[in-house]
Amino acid sequence: MKHELNVSLNQFVFSLSQALDLINPAMADHHKRVAYIALRVAEAAGLSGKAKEDVVIAAALHDIGTLPRQDGAGGGAGSASLHSARFGYQLLRKFKPFEMSARIVRFHCIDWAHGQHREVEGEMVPVGSHIVHLANRVNGLVDRERPILWQASDINARIGALRGEVLMPELIDNFLAVSAKDAFWLDLNASDLLNLMATRISFSTVELDEDALLDFAELLAQIIDFRSRFTATHSSGVAATAATLAQLFGFPEADCKRIQIAGYLHDLGKLAIPAEHLEKNGRLTEEEWMTVRSHPYYTYRILASINGMEDIALWCGVHHERLCGTGYPFGADNPRIPLEARILAVADIFTALTEDRPYRRGLDRESVLDILKKMVANFELDRKVVNVLEANYADLDRARVSAQRVALHDYQSFMEGLTELDLSGARAAHTAWKRHVRDYLDGKDALPREQLISHRECDLGRWYHGEGLRLYGHIPEMHELERPHRMLHELIASLVSHKENGRSSEAELCYAQIGPISDLIVKLLHAIENKAALDVREATAPAAPTPATEEEKRYAAASWWYRAESGSA
């Protein structure tokens, strides 16, 4: 018999958004405030029902694709990048109730550009994207250290100054109408902001049976794991191992699935850990280690707020506790650690030790069991669970490997899809720009002069000299691209000069020369896309199945990731 879990979408949404705000105290409640501002602007713009709900969900999760960093970058006004927005879009669109919100997230950092960005990358930009962009800008101007009402007029003026070039004029008018009331600003600092939103919007209720919840948990695991190639398949391995161990202990099928769900979600709190900590190849500093230790606490906090997930929240929250009481974050000891959490703890360490990672190979059976038995002897792990694992080692390892192969394929497809979005977006930006030049010649469009003349100011140029070189600068064709792009804009400079001086025939001759150069630019972008996709496959290819060296075995027992996975000090 299947058990259904009826949850309001806002429980999932704001539990996730809470994780995005945990990394930096200065970001506290950032996503909730952006969601509230977006809600009020959406209301003023006449949105209702599902359209309004989609905007609020997108606003609450708009930074889901941004890697958290130690400095808290990501989440401030204008901090989002097209790449991270596409990352978030790729993650969210897999869950059907989030499909439209995913499209909003994809374009939420796009400037209005006097209407030129109504359409981007061949798609119409949802008005919700412009609403979230405005809401993020507004919240980024709020100084939490100063009385909010003192800032209102200045924020309104600064938002007004972005009319047309950055923000959609009609939405600015909607915002100014809403923000004319003191209550709007005071609401932003209200401790019960979620309750205030609940009085203005009714979120959909989603019915999830165990299978549907398992699918959703797998999506959340990808949100956790796909942020780093170091851990791209870790949660899938833990989930498969934990579920298999639960079966061997004779748990009913429904309980095995819930333990599998816990395996997918056990590291949810790592959304709050800076990316450089998770990817560090070597020992963490004590300060970094203390930050990593916080992740099971955040996992518990996030999941415990969802009705029906209380048991899973507990198992995940204590999976780094140890029977002798030396674990974290609660310092729980033997009687307070349920069997499900003990299974999860062993599954987590087993997976961490056996899986291949880019910087080292997985350990062999003898080495893994040696580490686990030492932890049993130190009263850190449950002896019965480790004994079951030892007796069924081959079956458990097969389950882990099989699950991680599927997860690796999903990760490769995800990253290749992200690369395709980046490069197809660059091509679309170039194609749209070329169309705008034609419209400029025909007197239908008034592109800013800088975009026409400067190879750095058009949409392709901004991408190329920003994210493009950062992400794909190792590919030779990226550097080959600059010369034809510069030549193109030098040609356009001549075109503009002829146009401004009434020499239409000469301007048309210049335009006729654009075609071959444009074709070369598109050809190079295709080559960059193909090589970037190949890089993804090579970077994520499984390590050669050769035995670990003695040095690697010693490293496994002493390195930061072992400390993080085992709870050893």
Protein backbone atom coordinates (compact mmCIF):
# COMPACT_ATOMS: atom_id res chain seq x y z
CA MET A 1 0.00 0.00 0.00
CA LYS A 2 1.36 3.39 -1.00
CA HIS A 3 1.33 6.26 1.45
CA GLU A 4 0.62 9.71 0.03
CA LEU A 5 2.18 12.90 1.31
CA ASN A 6 0.07 15.99 0.68
CA VAL A 7 2.22 19.09 0.84
CA SER A 8 1.75 22.67 -0.17
CA LEU A 9 4.35 23.74 -2.73
CA ASN A 10 5.37 26.62 -0.49
CA GLN A 11 6.73 24.13 2.09
CA PHE A 12 9.17 22.72 -0.45
CA VAL A 13 9.91 26.09 -2.05
CA PHE A 14 10.71 28.04 1.07
CA SER A 15 12.57 25.15 2.67
CA LEU A 16 14.87 25.19 -0.36
CA SER A 17 15.13 28.97 -0.43
CA GLN A 18 16.09 28.90 3.25
CA ALA A 19 19.13 26.83 2.32
CA LEU A 20 20.19 29.45 -0.21
CA ASP A 21 20.19 32.13 2.49
CA LEU A 22 22.15 30.18 5.10
CA ILE A 23 25.62 30.73 3.67
CA ASN A 24 25.97 34.39 4.63
CA PRO A 25 24.27 36.16 7.57
CA ALA A 26 23.99 39.27 5.39
CA MET A 27 21.76 37.25 3.06
CA ALA A 28 19.28 36.26 5.78
CA ASP A 29 15.75 36.08 4.35
CA HIS A 30 16.98 37.41 0.98
CA HIS A 31 14.90 35.01 -1.09
CA LYS A 32 11.80 35.47 1.04
CA ARG A 33 12.02 39.25 0.64
CA VAL A 34 12.58 39.00 -3.12
CA ALA A 35 9.57 36.66 -3.30
CA TYR A 36 7.41 39.12 -1.35
CA ILE A 37 8.42 42.09 -3.51
CA ALA A 38 7.78 40.02 -6.65
CA LEU A 39 4.38 38.98 -5.30
CA ARG A 40 3.31 42.57 -4.71
CA VAL A 41 4.54 43.72 -8.12
CA ALA A 42 2.86 40.74 -9.81
CA GLU A 43 -0.42 41.66 -8.11
CA ALA A 44 -0.11 45.26 -9.27
CA ALA A 45 0.64 44.04 -12.79
CA GLY A 46 -2.62 42.07 -12.80
CA LEU A 47 -1.22 38.54 -12.48
CA SER A 48 -3.33 36.04 -10.57
CA GLY A 49 -3.70 32.35 -9.86
CA LYS A 50 -1.02 30.05 -11.27
CA ALA A 51 0.81 32.90 -13.03
CA LYS A 52 1.30 34.68 -9.72
CA GLU A 53 2.34 31.46 -7.99
CA ASP A 54 4.95 30.75 -10.69
CA VAL A 55 6.51 34.19 -10.18
CA VAL A 56 6.71 33.74 -6.40
CA ILE A 57 8.28 30.27 -6.72
CA ALA A 58 10.84 31.61 -9.21
CA ALA A 59 11.65 34.55 -6.94
CA ALA A 60 12.08 32.26 -3.93
CA LEU A 61 14.50 30.03 -5.88
CA HIS A 62 16.11 32.49 -8.29
CA ASP A 63 19.65 31.76 -7.05
CA ILE A 64 19.28 27.97 -7.04
CA GLY A 65 21.86 27.72 -9.82
CA THR A 66 24.43 29.98 -8.17
CA LEU A 67 27.30 28.24 -6.43
CA PRO A 68 27.56 29.61 -2.89
CA ARG A 69 30.98 31.10 -2.22
CA GLN A 70 32.82 32.01 0.96
CA ASP A 71 32.29 35.72 0.30
CA GLY A 72 28.57 35.17 -0.10
CA ALA A 73 28.64 36.19 -3.76
CA GLY A 74 25.40 35.35 -5.46
CA GLY A 75 22.04 36.75 -4.48
CA GLY A 76 22.76 40.45 -4.45
CA ALA A 77 21.26 42.76 -7.03
CA GLY A 78 22.70 42.11 -10.43
CA SER A 79 24.93 39.29 -9.17
CA ALA A 80 23.22 36.52 -11.10
CA SER A 81 24.83 35.44 -14.35
CA LEU A 82 23.26 33.96 -17.44
CA HIS A 83 25.24 30.76 -16.82
CA SER A 84 24.00 30.33 -13.25
CA ALA A 85 20.46 31.24 -14.32
CA ARG A 86 20.62 28.53 -16.98
CA PHE A 87 21.98 26.13 -14.36
CA GLY A 88 18.96 26.85 -12.17
CA TYR A 89 16.62 26.45 -15.13
CA GLN A 90 18.12 23.05 -15.95
CA LEU A 91 17.59 21.89 -12.36
CA LEU A 92 14.07 23.18 -11.78
CA ARG A 93 12.44 22.27 -15.07
CA LYS A 94 12.64 18.53 -14.25
CA PHE A 95 9.91 18.90 -11.61
CA LYS A 96 6.61 19.45 -13.43
CA PRO A 97 5.06 21.93 -10.94
CA PHE A 98 8.21 24.09 -11.40
CA GLU A 99 8.25 24.11 -15.23
CA MET A 100 7.07 27.71 -15.72
CA SER A 101 9.05 28.96 -12.73
CA ALA A 102 12.13 27.39 -14.31
CA ARG A 103 11.62 29.50 -17.47
CA ILE A 104 11.29 32.60 -15.31
CA VAL A 105 14.55 31.76 -13.51
CA ARG A 106 16.31 31.21 -16.85
CA PHE A 107 15.83 34.83 -17.91
CA HIS A 108 15.57 36.60 -14.55
CA CYS A 109 18.87 38.49 -14.92
CA ILE A 110 18.11 39.85 -18.41
CA ASP A 111 17.95 43.64 -18.74
CA TRP A 112 14.91 45.11 -20.47
CA ALA A 113 17.22 47.05 -22.88
CA HIS A 114 14.45 49.37 -24.07
CA GLY A 115 12.38 46.38 -25.20
CA GLN A 116 15.12 44.71 -27.22
CA HIS A 117 15.09 41.79 -24.78
CA ARG A 118 11.43 40.94 -25.09
CA GLU A 119 12.88 37.96 -26.92
CA VAL A 120 16.18 36.31 -25.95
CA GLU A 121 17.81 33.20 -27.42
CA GLY A 122 14.86 32.77 -29.74
CA GLU A 123 12.30 32.70 -26.91
CA MET A 124 9.94 35.25 -25.46
CA VAL A 125 11.09 36.33 -22.02
CA PRO A 126 8.24 35.81 -19.52
CA VAL A 127 7.06 38.98 -17.81
CA GLY A 128 7.72 37.07 -14.58
CA SER A 129 11.45 37.16 -15.35
CA HIS A 130 11.36 40.95 -15.47
CA ILE A 131 9.36 41.01 -12.23
CA VAL A 132 11.95 38.85 -10.42
CA HIS A 133 14.75 41.00 -11.86
CA LEU A 134 13.11 44.13 -10.50
CA ALA A 135 12.40 42.54 -7.11
CA ASN A 136 16.01 41.38 -6.80
CA ARG A 137 17.24 44.88 -7.65
CA VAL A 138 14.97 46.47 -5.06
CA ASN A 139 16.01 44.10 -2.31
CA GLY A 140 19.67 44.58 -3.18
CA LEU A 141 19.33 48.30 -2.43
CA VAL A 142 17.95 47.75 1.08
CA ASP A 143 20.44 48.43 3.88
CA ARG A 144 19.47 46.16 6.81
CA GLU A 145 21.42 48.36 9.22
CA ARG A 146 19.28 51.47 8.63
CA PRO A 147 15.58 52.11 9.32
CA ILE A 148 13.71 50.92 6.28
CA LEU A 149 11.39 53.92 5.92
CA TRP A 150 14.37 56.29 5.75
CA GLN A 151 15.51 54.49 2.62
CA ALA A 152 12.22 54.20 0.73
CA SER A 153 12.36 57.40 -1.31
CA ASP A 154 16.01 56.89 -2.24
CA ILE A 155 15.36 53.29 -3.34
CA ASN A 156 12.38 54.40 -5.39
CA ALA A 157 14.52 57.05 -7.10
CA ARG A 158 17.33 54.62 -7.86
CA ILE A 159 14.89 52.08 -9.28
CA GLY A 160 13.29 54.81 -11.36
CA ALA A 161 16.70 55.65 -12.83
CA LEU A 162 16.83 52.11 -14.29
CA ARG A 163 13.69 52.70 -16.38
CA GLY A 164 13.99 51.38 -19.90
CA GLU A 165 17.67 50.45 -20.01
CA VAL A 166 17.58 47.86 -17.19
CA LEU A 167 14.00 47.44 -15.99
CA MET A 168 10.65 47.26 -17.75
CA PRO A 169 8.93 50.68 -17.40
CA GLU A 170 5.44 49.31 -16.72
CA LEU A 171 6.75 47.17 -13.88
CA ILE A 172 8.55 50.13 -12.35
CA ASP A 173 5.21 51.95 -12.33
CA ASN A 174 3.60 48.93 -10.64
CA PHE A 175 6.37 48.87 -8.04
CA LEU A 176 6.15 52.60 -7.31
CA ALA A 177 2.40 52.28 -6.78
CA VAL A 178 2.89 49.43 -4.30
CA SER A 179 5.84 51.00 -2.49
CA ALA A 180 4.02 54.28 -1.89
CA LYS A 181 2.62 52.74 1.30
CA ASP A 182 4.78 52.48 4.42
CA ALA A 183 3.36 49.03 5.15
CA PHE A 184 5.06 47.59 2.08
CA TRP A 185 8.50 48.52 3.40
CA LEU A 186 7.74 47.49 6.96
CA ASP A 187 6.55 44.09 5.73
CA LEU A 188 10.03 43.38 4.37
CA ASN A 189 11.41 43.25 7.91
CA ALA A 190 8.49 41.33 9.37
CA SER A 191 9.43 38.11 11.16
CA ASP A 192 6.28 36.42 9.79
CA LEU A 193 6.86 37.34 6.14
CA LEU A 194 5.83 33.85 4.99
CA ASN A 195 2.51 34.22 6.80
CA LEU A 196 2.01 37.61 5.19
CA MET A 197 2.51 36.01 1.79
CA ALA A 198 0.13 33.21 2.67
CA THR A 199 -2.66 35.75 3.19
CA ARG A 200 -2.16 37.03 -0.38
CA ILE A 201 -1.60 33.79 -2.32
CA SER A 202 -2.84 30.22 -2.16
CA PHE A 203 -0.16 27.75 -3.17
CA SER A 204 -1.00 24.54 -4.99
CA THR A 205 -1.04 21.31 -3.03
CA VAL A 206 0.96 18.44 -4.50
CA GLU A 207 0.15 14.82 -3.73
CA LEU A 208 3.31 12.72 -3.62
CA ASP A 209 3.24 8.98 -3.00
CA GLU A 210 6.49 7.23 -2.11
CA ASP A 211 7.48 6.78 -5.75
CA ALA A 212 6.78 10.42 -6.63
CA LEU A 213 8.57 11.57 -3.49
CA LEU A 214 11.52 9.39 -4.49
CA ASP A 215 11.62 11.12 -7.90
CA PHE A 216 11.49 14.53 -6.22
CA ALA A 217 14.23 13.53 -3.78
CA GLU A 218 16.39 12.47 -6.74
CA LEU A 219 15.86 15.96 -8.23
CA LEU A 220 16.94 17.56 -4.95
CA ALA A 221 20.00 15.28 -4.89
CA GLN A 222 20.97 16.66 -8.28
CA ILE A 223 20.59 20.20 -6.96
CA ILE A 224 23.02 19.21 -4.19
CA ASP A 225 25.48 17.08 -6.16
CA PHE A 226 25.59 18.70 -9.61
CA ARG A 227 27.21 21.82 -8.15
CA SER A 228 30.56 20.01 -8.09
CA ARG A 229 32.05 17.34 -10.36
CA PHE A 230 33.75 16.03 -7.18
CA THR A 231 30.42 14.87 -5.74
CA ALA A 232 28.23 14.61 -8.85
CA THR A 233 27.01 11.08 -8.04
CA HIS A 234 27.54 10.84 -4.28
CA SER A 235 23.93 11.06 -3.06
CA SER A 236 22.79 8.46 -5.60
CA GLY A 237 25.40 6.04 -4.26
CA VAL A 238 24.37 6.68 -0.66
CA ALA A 239 20.67 6.27 -1.51
CA ALA A 240 21.23 2.93 -3.29
CA THR A 241 23.49 1.59 -0.52
CA ALA A 242 21.15 2.67 2.28
CA ALA A 243 18.09 1.18 0.56
CA THR A 244 19.90 -2.13 -0.02
CA LEU A 245 21.06 -2.27 3.60
CA ALA A 246 17.50 -1.58 4.76
CA GLN A 247 16.24 -4.49 2.62
CA LEU A 248 18.87 -6.78 4.14
CA PHE A 249 17.64 -5.75 7.60
CA GLY A 250 14.11 -6.77 6.60
CA PHE A 251 12.50 -3.33 6.52
CA PRO A 252 9.13 -3.17 4.70
CA GLU A 253 9.29 -1.84 1.11
CA ALA A 254 7.75 1.52 2.04
CA ASP A 255 10.33 2.06 4.78
CA CYS A 256 13.16 1.08 2.42
CA LYS A 257 11.99 3.78 0.03
CA ARG A 258 11.94 6.37 2.79
CA ILE A 259 15.48 5.41 3.77
CA GLN A 260 16.43 5.71 0.09
CA ILE A 261 14.87 9.19 0.07
CA ALA A 262 16.95 10.05 3.13
CA GLY A 263 20.03 8.90 1.21
CA TYR A 264 19.22 11.34 -1.58
CA LEU A 265 18.61 14.19 0.87
CA HIS A 266 21.24 13.56 3.56
CA ASP A 267 23.52 16.34 2.25
CA LEU A 268 20.83 18.92 1.48
CA GLY A 269 22.43 21.29 3.97
CA LYS A 270 25.54 21.43 1.77
CA LEU A 271 23.66 24.00 -0.29
CA ALA A 272 24.76 26.34 2.49
CA ILE A 273 28.45 25.40 2.29
CA PRO A 274 30.83 27.52 0.16
CA ALA A 275 31.77 25.79 -3.07
CA GLU A 276 35.49 26.14 -2.51
CA HIS A 277 35.20 24.12 0.72
CA LEU A 278 33.46 21.23 -1.04
CA GLU A 279 35.95 21.20 -3.93
CA LYS A 280 39.12 21.65 -1.90
CA ASN A 281 41.66 18.95 -2.69
CA GLY A 282 43.45 18.67 0.63
CA ARG A 283 42.91 19.40 4.29
CA LEU A 284 40.42 22.05 5.33
CA THR A 285 41.46 24.67 7.82
CA GLU A 286 39.79 24.41 11.21
CA GLU A 287 37.50 27.31 10.30
CA GLU A 288 36.53 25.65 7.01
CA TRP A 289 36.01 22.35 8.78
CA MET A 290 33.63 23.95 11.27
CA THR A 291 31.62 25.33 8.35
CA VAL A 292 31.39 21.90 6.71
CA ARG A 293 30.28 20.37 10.04
CA SER A 294 27.17 22.55 9.97
CA HIS A 295 25.59 20.85 6.97
CA PRO A 296 23.61 18.08 8.76
CA TYR A 297 22.11 20.71 11.06
CA TYR A 298 20.91 22.70 8.07
CA THR A 299 19.63 19.51 6.44
CA TYR A 300 17.53 18.82 9.53
CA ARG A 301 16.23 22.40 9.71
CA ILE A 302 15.23 22.43 6.04
CA LEU A 303 13.43 19.07 6.04
CA ALA A 304 11.82 19.30 9.48
CA SER A 305 9.65 22.20 8.28
CA ILE A 306 7.91 19.94 5.72
CA ASN A 307 4.89 18.08 7.07
CA GLY A 308 5.31 14.32 6.71
CA MET A 309 9.11 14.47 6.40
CA GLU A 310 9.87 14.55 10.13
CA ASP A 311 11.36 11.05 10.30
CA ILE A 312 13.52 11.60 7.21
CA ALA A 313 14.65 14.94 8.66
CA LEU A 314 15.76 13.17 11.85
CA TRP A 315 17.69 10.41 10.05
CA CYS A 316 19.46 12.95 7.83
CA GLY A 317 20.10 15.34 10.70
CA VAL A 318 21.91 12.73 12.82
CA HIS A 319 23.76 10.78 10.12
CA HIS A 320 27.07 12.29 11.33
CA GLU A 321 26.36 11.48 14.98
CA ARG A 322 28.41 8.68 16.53
CA LEU A 323 27.35 6.05 19.06
CA CYS A 324 29.95 7.28 21.57
CA GLY A 325 28.52 10.82 21.41
CA THR A 326 31.46 12.46 19.56
CA GLY A 327 29.56 13.22 16.37
CA TYR A 328 27.81 16.39 15.22
CA PRO A 329 25.75 18.55 15.21
CA PHE A 330 23.64 17.48 18.20
CA GLY A 331 26.13 15.35 20.11
CA ALA A 332 23.60 12.50 20.20
CA ASP A 333 24.75 9.14 21.56
CA ASN A 334 23.72 5.49 21.19
CA PRO A 335 20.12 5.48 22.54
CA ARG A 336 19.15 8.60 20.57
CA ILE A 337 20.36 7.43 17.13
CA PRO A 338 17.68 5.36 15.33
CA LEU A 339 18.66 2.35 13.23
CA GLU A 340 17.70 4.14 10.03
CA ALA A 341 20.24 6.87 10.79
CA ARG A 342 22.91 4.27 11.62
CA ILE A 343 22.30 2.62 8.25
CA LEU A 344 22.53 6.01 6.56
CA ALA A 345 25.81 6.78 8.35
CA VAL A 346 27.44 3.54 7.19
CA ALA A 347 26.08 3.99 3.64
CA ASP A 348 27.50 7.54 3.51
CA ILE A 349 31.01 6.52 4.62
CA PHE A 350 31.01 3.36 2.47
CA THR A 351 30.09 5.40 -0.62
CA ALA A 352 32.65 8.12 0.12
CA LEU A 353 35.42 5.54 0.50
CA THR A 354 34.57 3.38 -2.52
CA GLU A 355 33.58 5.93 -5.16
CA ASP A 356 36.14 7.35 -7.58
CA ARG A 357 36.62 11.09 -7.40
CA PRO A 358 38.59 13.32 -9.78
CA TYR A 359 41.46 13.68 -7.32
CA ARG A 360 41.77 10.07 -6.12
CA ARG A 361 40.56 6.52 -6.74
CA GLY A 362 38.11 4.60 -4.61
CA LEU A 363 39.54 2.24 -2.00
CA ASP A 364 39.47 -1.54 -2.29
CA ARG A 365 37.36 -3.88 -0.13
CA GLU A 366 40.10 -4.60 2.39
CA SER A 367 40.89 -0.93 2.97
CA VAL A 368 37.23 0.07 3.27
CA LEU A 369 36.42 -2.65 5.79
CA ASP A 370 39.54 -1.82 7.77
CA ILE A 371 38.38 1.80 8.18
CA LEU A 372 34.79 0.81 9.01
CA LYS A 373 35.86 -1.78 11.60
CA LYS A 374 38.15 0.73 13.30
CA MET A 375 35.17 3.07 13.57
CA VAL A 376 33.12 0.24 15.08
CA ALA A 377 35.92 -0.44 17.60
CA ASN A 378 35.86 3.27 18.53
CA PHE A 379 32.07 3.07 19.10
CA GLU A 380 31.42 5.41 16.19
CA LEU A 381 29.44 3.09 13.89
CA ASP A 382 26.88 0.34 14.56
CA ARG A 383 28.54 -3.10 14.59
CA LYS A 384 25.47 -4.93 13.23
CA VAL A 385 25.19 -2.59 10.24
CA VAL A 386 28.87 -2.95 9.38
CA ASN A 387 28.62 -6.76 9.79
CA VAL A 388 25.69 -6.86 7.34
CA LEU A 389 27.66 -4.70 4.92
CA GLU A 390 30.70 -7.00 5.16
CA ALA A 391 28.60 -10.12 4.61
CA ASN A 392 26.95 -8.60 1.52
CA TYR A 393 29.79 -6.39 0.31
CA ALA A 394 29.67 -7.41 -3.35
CA ASP A 395 25.89 -6.88 -3.64
CA LEU A 396 26.08 -3.50 -1.95
CA ASP A 397 28.96 -2.37 -4.12
CA ARG A 398 27.09 -3.46 -7.26
CA ALA A 399 24.04 -1.47 -6.17
CA ARG A 400 26.20 1.61 -5.50
CA VAL A 401 28.10 1.35 -8.81
CA SER A 402 24.90 0.82 -10.82
CA ALA A 403 23.18 3.82 -9.25
CA GLN A 404 26.23 6.02 -9.69
CA ARG A 405 26.60 5.06 -13.36
CA VAL A 406 23.06 6.25 -14.00
CA ALA A 407 23.73 9.43 -12.01
CA LEU A 408 26.96 10.05 -13.94
CA HIS A 409 25.09 9.75 -17.24
CA ASP A 410 22.50 12.22 -15.95
CA TYR A 411 25.27 14.60 -14.85
CA GLN A 412 27.04 14.40 -18.20
CA SER A 413 23.76 15.05 -20.04
CA PHE A 414 22.99 17.94 -17.70
CA MET A 415 26.36 19.62 -18.17
CA GLU A 416 26.35 19.07 -21.93
CA GLY A 417 22.87 20.59 -22.02
CA LEU A 418 24.12 23.55 -20.01
CA THR A 419 27.01 24.03 -22.44
CA GLU A 420 24.56 23.88 -25.34
CA LEU A 421 22.41 26.56 -23.68
CA ASP A 422 25.46 28.79 -23.19
CA LEU A 423 26.74 28.51 -26.75
CA SER A 424 23.36 28.49 -28.47
CA GLY A 425 22.57 31.57 -26.41
CA ALA A 426 25.72 33.23 -27.71
CA ARG A 427 24.77 32.36 -31.30
CA ALA A 428 21.22 33.61 -30.76
CA ALA A 429 22.56 36.87 -29.30
CA HIS A 430 24.73 37.36 -32.39
CA THR A 431 21.86 36.53 -34.77
CA ALA A 432 19.50 38.91 -32.96
CA TRP A 433 22.14 41.65 -33.04
CA LYS A 434 22.59 41.18 -36.79
CA ARG A 435 18.82 41.54 -37.22
CA HIS A 436 18.88 44.72 -35.14
CA VAL A 437 21.58 46.15 -37.44
CA ARG A 438 19.32 45.46 -40.43
CA ASP A 439 16.44 47.19 -38.65
CA TYR A 440 18.75 50.09 -37.80
CA LEU A 441 19.57 50.53 -41.48
CA ASP A 442 15.86 50.40 -42.35
CA GLY A 443 15.06 53.01 -39.70
CA LYS A 444 13.03 50.54 -37.59
CA ASP A 445 15.40 50.21 -34.64
CA ALA A 446 17.52 52.58 -32.58
CA LEU A 447 20.34 50.54 -31.09
CA PRO A 448 22.65 52.44 -28.72
CA ARG A 449 25.65 53.63 -30.73
CA GLU A 450 28.07 51.82 -28.38
CA GLN A 451 26.47 48.44 -29.14
CA LEU A 452 26.89 49.02 -32.85
CA ILE A 453 30.50 50.19 -32.76
CA SER A 454 32.12 48.48 -29.76
CA HIS A 455 32.86 44.76 -29.94
CA ARG A 456 32.62 44.72 -26.13
CA GLU A 457 29.19 46.32 -25.76
CA CYS A 458 26.97 44.12 -27.93
CA ASP A 459 25.33 41.11 -26.24
CA LEU A 460 27.84 38.66 -27.72
CA GLY A 461 30.76 40.88 -26.72
CA ARG A 462 29.56 41.19 -23.13
CA TRP A 463 29.21 37.42 -22.93
CA TYR A 464 32.57 36.79 -24.59
CA HIS A 465 34.59 39.15 -22.37
CA GLY A 466 32.73 38.00 -19.26
CA GLU A 467 31.46 34.48 -18.74
CA GLY A 468 32.54 33.21 -22.14
CA LEU A 469 36.28 33.53 -21.54
CA ARG A 470 35.90 32.44 -17.91
CA LEU A 471 34.08 29.23 -18.81
CA TYR A 472 35.53 28.38 -22.21
CA GLY A 473 38.79 30.34 -22.41
CA HIS A 474 40.80 27.09 -22.46
CA ILE A 475 39.38 26.31 -25.92
CA PRO A 476 41.53 27.75 -28.76
CA GLU A 477 38.53 28.73 -30.88
CA MET A 478 37.42 31.13 -28.15
CA HIS A 479 40.53 33.20 -28.74
CA GLU A 480 40.15 32.88 -32.52
CA LEU A 481 36.67 34.38 -32.15
CA GLU A 482 37.86 37.80 -31.00
CA ARG A 483 39.49 38.83 -34.30
CA PRO A 484 36.44 38.36 -36.61
CA HIS A 485 34.19 39.84 -33.96
CA ARG A 486 36.39 42.92 -33.72
CA MET A 487 36.54 43.16 -37.55
CA LEU A 488 32.76 42.95 -37.69
CA HIS A 489 32.33 45.92 -35.38
CA GLU A 490 34.95 47.93 -37.25
CA LEU A 491 32.86 47.32 -40.37
CA ILE A 492 29.73 48.35 -38.50
CA ALA A 493 31.46 51.55 -37.37
CA SER A 494 31.89 52.43 -41.03
CA LEU A 495 28.27 51.46 -41.67
CA VAL A 496 27.10 53.80 -38.90
CA SER A 497 29.26 56.65 -40.19
CA HIS A 498 27.78 56.25 -43.69
CA LYS A 499 24.25 56.01 -42.31
CA GLU A 500 24.63 59.11 -40.13
CA ASN A 501 25.99 61.10 -43.07
CA GLY A 502 23.25 60.09 -45.47
CA ARG A 503 25.36 57.70 -47.55
CA SER A 504 22.83 54.88 -47.72
CA SER A 505 24.45 53.02 -50.64
CA GLU A 506 27.81 52.86 -48.87
CA ALA A 507 26.09 51.69 -45.69
CA GLU A 508 24.40 48.87 -47.63
CA LEU A 509 27.74 47.83 -49.12
CA CYS A 510 29.11 47.55 -45.59
CA TYR A 511 26.11 45.45 -44.54
CA ALA A 512 26.68 43.08 -47.47
CA GLN A 513 30.16 42.30 -46.09
CA ILE A 514 28.73 41.28 -42.72
CA GLY A 515 27.52 37.88 -43.96
CA PRO A 516 30.84 36.02 -44.43
CA ILE A 517 32.26 37.36 -41.15
CA SER A 518 29.06 36.46 -39.33
CA ASP A 519 29.19 32.93 -40.78
CA LEU A 520 32.74 32.52 -39.45
CA ILE A 521 31.63 33.68 -35.97
CA VAL A 522 28.78 31.14 -35.94
CA LYS A 523 31.15 28.39 -37.15
CA LEU A 524 33.58 29.13 -34.34
CA LEU A 525 30.77 29.11 -31.75
CA HIS A 526 29.69 25.67 -32.99
CA ALA A 527 33.28 24.43 -32.67
CA ILE A 528 33.50 25.80 -29.11
CA GLU A 529 30.24 24.04 -28.21
CA ASN A 530 31.46 20.70 -29.56
CA LYS A 531 34.80 20.91 -27.73
CA ALA A 532 33.12 22.06 -24.50
CA ALA A 533 30.80 19.03 -24.65
CA LEU A 534 33.82 16.77 -25.18
CA ASP A 535 35.50 18.40 -22.17
CA VAL A 536 32.47 17.52 -20.04
CA ARG A 537 32.62 13.87 -21.08
CA GLU A 538 36.36 13.64 -20.46
CA ALA A 539 36.22 15.46 -17.11
CA THR A 540 33.46 13.19 -15.81
CA ALA A 541 34.70 9.90 -17.22
CA PRO A 542 35.08 7.25 -14.47
CA ALA A 543 38.60 6.77 -13.21
CA ALA A 544 40.50 3.73 -14.44
CA PRO A 545 39.71 0.75 -12.17
CA THR A 546 43.24 0.36 -10.86
CA PRO A 547 43.91 -0.38 -7.18
CA ALA A 548 44.58 2.53 -4.86
CA THR A 549 48.19 3.02 -3.85
CA GLU A 550 49.29 2.83 -0.23
CA GLU A 551 49.75 6.59 -0.32
CA GLU A 552 46.16 7.06 -1.49
CA LYS A 553 44.91 4.75 1.26
CA ARG A 554 46.73 6.81 3.89
CA TYR A 555 45.34 9.98 2.31
CA ALA A 556 41.84 8.55 2.53
CA ALA A 557 42.17 8.05 6.27
CA ALA A 558 43.54 11.54 6.92
CA SER A 559 42.09 13.89 4.31
CA TRP A 560 39.37 16.41 4.89
CA TRP A 561 36.70 14.55 2.93
CA TYR A 562 37.21 11.46 5.09
CA ARG A 563 36.85 13.64 8.17
CA ALA A 564 33.74 15.18 6.67
CA GLU A 565 32.16 11.84 5.77
CA SER A 566 33.19 9.90 8.87
CA GLY A 567 32.86 12.60 11.48
CA SER A 568 36.39 11.98 12.75
CA ALA A 569 38.09 14.94 14.36
